[in-house]
PDB file of N, CA and C in Angstrom:
ATOM      1  N   MET A   1       0.733  21.407   9.395  1.00  0.00           N
ATOM      2  CA  MET A   1       1.014  22.191   8.342  1.00  0.00           C
ATOM      3  C   MET A   1      -0.579  22.742   7.771  1.00  0.00           C
ATOM      4  N   ARG A   2      -1.215  21.654   8.373  1.00  0.00           N
ATOM      5  CA  ARG A   2      -2.979  21.814   7.852  1.00  0.00           C
ATOM      6  C   ARG A   2      -3.229  23.019   7.729  1.00  0.00           C
ATOM      7  N   VAL A   3      -4.040  24.315   7.340  1.00  0.00           N
ATOM      8  CA  VAL A   3      -4.752  24.839   8.090  1.00  0.00           C
ATOM      9  C   VAL A   3      -6.568  25.120   7.210  1.00  0.00           C
ATOM     10  N   LYS A   4      -7.221  25.449   7.997  1.00  0.00           N
ATOM     11  CA  LYS A   4      -8.645  26.083   7.389  1.00  0.00           C
ATOM     12  C   LYS A   4      -8.269  27.134   6.520  1.00  0.00           C
ATOM     13  N   ILE A   5      -9.169  26.737   5.414  1.00  0.00           N
ATOM     14  CA  ILE A   5      -9.459  28.048   4.415  1.00  0.00           C
ATOM     15  C   ILE A   5     -11.081  28.100   4.392  1.00  0.00           C
ATOM     16  N   THR A   6     -11.134  29.417   3.577  1.00  0.00           N
ATOM     17  CA  THR A   6     -12.772  29.646   3.010  1.00  0.00           C
ATOM     18  C   THR A   6     -12.663  29.952   1.896  1.00  0.00           C
ATOM     19  N   LEU A   7     -13.692  29.364   1.316  1.00  0.00           N
ATOM     20  CA  LEU A   7     -13.375  29.656  -0.146  1.00  0.00           C
ATOM     21  C   LEU A   7     -14.682  30.682  -0.632  1.00  0.00           C
ATOM     22  N   ALA A   8     -14.676  31.503  -1.628  1.00  0.00           N
ATOM     23  CA  ALA A   8     -15.957  32.410  -2.089  1.00  0.00           C
ATOM     24  C   ALA A   8     -15.849  32.685  -3.446  1.00  0.00           C
ATOM     25  N   CYS A   9     -17.193  32.787  -3.871  1.00  0.00           N
ATOM     26  CA  CYS A   9     -17.592  32.991  -4.879  1.00  0.00           C
ATOM     27  C   CYS A   9     -16.630  34.224  -5.968  1.00  0.00           C
ATOM     28  N   SER A  10     -16.547  33.883  -6.881  1.00  0.00           N
ATOM     29  CA  SER A  10     -15.780  34.942  -7.706  1.00  0.00           C
ATOM     30  C   SER A  10     -16.722  36.276  -8.014  1.00  0.00           C
ATOM     31  N   GLU A  11     -17.661  35.844  -8.530  1.00  0.00           N
ATOM     32  CA  GLU A  11     -19.110  36.160  -9.076  1.00  0.00           C
ATOM     33  C   GLU A  11     -20.073  36.907  -8.095  1.00  0.00           C
ATOM     34  N   CYS A  12     -20.197  36.683  -6.802  1.00  0.00           N
ATOM     35  CA  CYS A  12     -21.299  36.641  -5.764  1.00  0.00           C
ATOM     36  C   CYS A  12     -20.757  37.351  -5.219  1.00  0.00           C
ATOM     37  N   LYS A  13     -19.235  36.975  -4.291  1.00  0.00           N
ATOM     38  CA  LYS A  13     -18.265  36.998  -3.233  1.00  0.00           C
ATOM     39  C   LYS A  13     -18.890  36.667  -1.984  1.00  0.00           C
ATOM     40  N   GLN A  14     -19.793  35.344  -1.972  1.00  0.00           N
ATOM     41  CA  GLN A  14     -20.276  35.065  -0.971  1.00  0.00           C
ATOM     42  C   GLN A  14     -19.554  33.621  -0.365  1.00  0.00           C
ATOM     43  N   ARG A  15     -19.379  33.486   0.706  1.00  0.00           N
ATOM     44  CA  ARG A  15     -18.319  32.435   1.413  1.00  0.00           C
ATOM     45  C   ARG A  15     -18.815  31.567   1.490  1.00  0.00           C
ATOM     46  N   ASN A  16     -18.923  29.992   0.838  1.00  0.00           N
ATOM     47  CA  ASN A  16     -19.628  29.319   0.509  1.00  0.00           C
ATOM     48  C   ASN A  16     -19.269  27.924   1.375  1.00  0.00           C
ATOM     49  N   TYR A  17     -18.005  27.820   0.802  1.00  0.00           N
ATOM     50  CA  TYR A  17     -17.225  26.335   1.358  1.00  0.00           C
ATOM     51  C   TYR A  17     -15.965  26.950   1.931  1.00  0.00           C
ATOM     52  N   ASN A  18     -15.810  25.461   3.361  1.00  0.00           N
ATOM     53  CA  ASN A  18     -14.440  25.578   4.138  1.00  0.00           C
ATOM     54  C   ASN A  18     -14.069  24.287   3.881  1.00  0.00           C
ATOM     55  N   THR A  19     -12.985  24.433   3.897  1.00  0.00           N
ATOM     56  CA  THR A  19     -11.611  23.330   3.271  1.00  0.00           C
ATOM     57  C   THR A  19     -10.315  23.771   4.007  1.00  0.00           C
ATOM     58  N   TYR A  20      -9.754  22.316   4.236  1.00  0.00           N
ATOM     59  CA  TYR A  20      -8.488  22.417   4.523  1.00  0.00           C
ATOM     60  C   TYR A  20      -6.917  22.200   3.749  1.00  0.00           C
ATOM     61  N   LYS A  21      -6.174  22.784   3.871  1.00  0.00           N
ATOM     62  CA  LYS A  21      -4.970  22.896   2.634  1.00  0.00           C
ATOM     63  C   LYS A  21      -3.537  22.671   3.561  1.00  0.00           C
ATOM     64  N   ASN A  22      -2.879  22.483   2.480  1.00  0.00           N
ATOM     65  CA  ASN A  22      -1.426  21.976   3.522  1.00  0.00           C
ATOM     66  C   ASN A  22      -0.527  23.354   2.761  1.00  0.00           C
ATOM     67  N   LYS A  23      -0.121  24.214   3.817  1.00  0.00           N
ATOM     68  CA  LYS A  23       0.691  25.490   3.066  1.00  0.00           C
ATOM     69  C   LYS A  23       1.881  25.106   2.645  1.00  0.00           C
ATOM     70  N   LYS A  24       2.577  23.794   3.019  1.00  0.00           N
ATOM     71  CA  LYS A  24       4.240  23.718   2.650  1.00  0.00           C
ATOM     72  C   LYS A  24       3.686  22.996   0.934  1.00  0.00           C
ATOM     73  N   ASN A  25       2.360  22.531   0.629  1.00  0.00           N
ATOM     74  CA  ASN A  25       2.312  21.937  -0.910  1.00  0.00           C
ATOM     75  C   ASN A  25       2.002  22.815  -1.704  1.00  0.00           C
ATOM     76  N   ASP A  26       0.988  23.916  -0.897  1.00  0.00           N
ATOM     77  CA  ASP A  26      -0.063  24.693  -1.433  1.00  0.00           C
ATOM     78  C   ASP A  26       0.252  26.345  -1.329  1.00  0.00           C
ATOM     79  N   PRO A  27       1.638  26.814  -1.416  1.00  0.00           N
ATOM     80  CA  PRO A  27       1.271  28.290  -0.750  1.00  0.00           C
ATOM     81  C   PRO A  27       0.643  29.277  -1.170  1.00  0.00           C
ATOM     82  N   ASP A  28       0.261  28.947  -2.660  1.00  0.00           N
ATOM     83  CA  ASP A  28      -0.480  29.938  -3.491  1.00  0.00           C
ATOM     84  C   ASP A  28      -1.895  29.821  -3.136  1.00  0.00           C
ATOM     85  N   LYS A  29      -2.760  30.905  -3.403  1.00  0.00           N
ATOM     86  CA  LYS A  29      -4.239  31.075  -3.377  1.00  0.00           C
ATOM     87  C   LYS A  29      -4.819  30.005  -4.016  1.00  0.00           C
ATOM     88  N   LEU A  30      -5.786  29.095  -3.418  1.00  0.00           N
ATOM     89  CA  LEU A  30      -6.524  27.795  -4.104  1.00  0.00           C
ATOM     90  C   LEU A  30      -7.495  28.570  -4.832  1.00  0.00           C
ATOM     91  N   LYS A  31      -7.653  27.298  -6.028  1.00  0.00           N
ATOM     92  CA  LYS A  31      -8.924  28.101  -6.713  1.00  0.00           C
ATOM     93  C   LYS A  31      -9.957  27.032  -7.122  1.00  0.00           C
ATOM     94  N   PHE A  32     -11.316  26.449  -7.103  1.00  0.00           N
ATOM     95  CA  PHE A  32     -11.850  25.522  -7.550  1.00  0.00           C
ATOM     96  C   PHE A  32     -13.204  25.781  -7.928  1.00  0.00           C
ATOM     97  N   ASN A  33     -13.553  24.822  -9.358  1.00  0.00           N
ATOM     98  CA  ASN A  33     -14.768  24.926  -9.710  1.00  0.00           C
ATOM     99  C   ASN A  33     -16.269  24.096  -8.755  1.00  0.00           C
ATOM    100  N   LYS A  34     -16.778  25.078  -8.299  1.00  0.00           N
ATOM    101  CA  LYS A  34     -17.631  24.433  -7.484  1.00  0.00           C
ATOM    102  C   LYS A  34     -19.173  25.136  -7.668  1.00  0.00           C
ATOM    103  N   TYR A  35     -20.160  25.020  -7.233  1.00  0.00           N
ATOM    104  CA  TYR A  35     -21.168  25.008  -7.396  1.00  0.00           C
ATOM    105  C   TYR A  35     -21.880  26.054  -6.020  1.00  0.00           C
ATOM    106  N   CYS A  36     -22.282  27.351  -6.661  1.00  0.00           N
ATOM    107  CA  CYS A  36     -22.425  28.499  -6.026  1.00  0.00           C
ATOM    108  C   CYS A  36     -24.719  28.412  -5.950  1.00  0.00           C
ATOM    109  N   ARG A  37     -24.712  28.148  -4.516  1.00  0.00           N
ATOM    110  CA  ARG A  37     -26.397  28.184  -4.848  1.00  0.00           C
ATOM    111  C   ARG A  37     -27.211  29.368  -4.931  1.00  0.00           C
ATOM    112  N   PHE A  38     -26.190  30.763  -4.085  1.00  0.00           N
ATOM    113  CA  PHE A  38     -26.505  32.010  -4.679  1.00  0.00           C
ATOM    114  C   PHE A  38     -26.753  32.136  -6.356  1.00  0.00           C
ATOM    115  N   CYS A  39     -25.781  31.940  -7.144  1.00  0.00           N
ATOM    116  CA  CYS A  39     -26.098  32.332  -7.941  1.00  0.00           C
ATOM    117  C   CYS A  39     -26.534  31.168  -9.235  1.00  0.00           C
ATOM    118  N   ARG A  40     -26.786  30.217  -8.541  1.00  0.00           N
ATOM    119  CA  ARG A  40     -27.438  28.838  -8.987  1.00  0.00           C
ATOM    120  C   ARG A  40     -26.713  28.256 -10.239  1.00  0.00           C
ATOM    121  N   LYS A  41     -25.210  28.292 -10.550  1.00  0.00           N
ATOM    122  CA  LYS A  41     -24.374  27.526 -11.157  1.00  0.00           C
ATOM    123  C   LYS A  41     -22.716  27.473 -10.715  1.00  0.00           C
ATOM    124  N   HIS A  42     -22.566  26.270 -11.267  1.00  0.00           N
ATOM    125  CA  HIS A  42     -21.201  26.285 -10.925  1.00  0.00           C
ATOM    126  C   HIS A  42     -20.384  27.462 -11.720  1.00  0.00           C
ATOM    127  N   THR A  43     -19.465  28.294 -10.165  1.00  0.00           N
ATOM    128  CA  THR A  43     -18.557  29.262 -10.763  1.00  0.00           C
ATOM    129  C   THR A  43     -17.365  29.068  -9.780  1.00  0.00           C
ATOM    130  N   ILE A  44     -16.338  29.851 -10.244  1.00  0.00           N
ATOM    131  CA  ILE A  44     -14.960  29.576  -9.810  1.00  0.00           C
ATOM    132  C   ILE A  44     -14.884  30.303  -8.258  1.00  0.00           C
ATOM    133  N   HIS A  45     -14.288  29.329  -7.139  1.00  0.00           N
ATOM    134  CA  HIS A  45     -14.510  30.008  -5.826  1.00  0.00           C
ATOM    135  C   HIS A  45     -12.394  30.075  -5.645  1.00  0.00           C
ATOM    136  N   ASN A  46     -12.402  30.977  -5.143  1.00  0.00           N
ATOM    137  CA  ASN A  46     -10.773  31.561  -4.863  1.00  0.00           C
ATOM    138  C   ASN A  46     -11.227  31.450  -3.657  1.00  0.00           C
ATOM    139  N   GLU A  47      -9.875  31.361  -2.740  1.00  0.00           N
ATOM    140  CA  GLU A  47      -9.098  30.987  -1.262  1.00  0.00           C
ATOM    141  C   GLU A  47      -9.343  32.318  -0.650  1.00  0.00           C
ATOM    142  N   THR A  48     -10.077  32.308   0.502  1.00  0.00           N
ATOM    143  CA  THR A  48     -10.338  34.059   1.262  1.00  0.00           C
ATOM    144  C   THR A  48      -9.598  33.572   2.378  1.00  0.00           C
ATOM    145  N   LYS A  49      -9.432  34.897   3.176  1.00  0.00           N
ATOM    146  CA  LYS A  49      -9.188  34.621   4.778  1.00  0.00           C
ATOM    147  C   LYS A  49     -10.060  34.299   5.718  1.00  0.00           C
TER     148      LYS A  49
END
């Protein structure tokens, strides 16, 4: 059930991180507060395709 997802910065839209999630436990899109090296600050990163 684990699938690979990509996380993109909500401000600059750069795809910075890859991770895995369990679709059964997290059917909605994930959001994480992570560091963006392009913005040079912590921003919200959303799940993308």
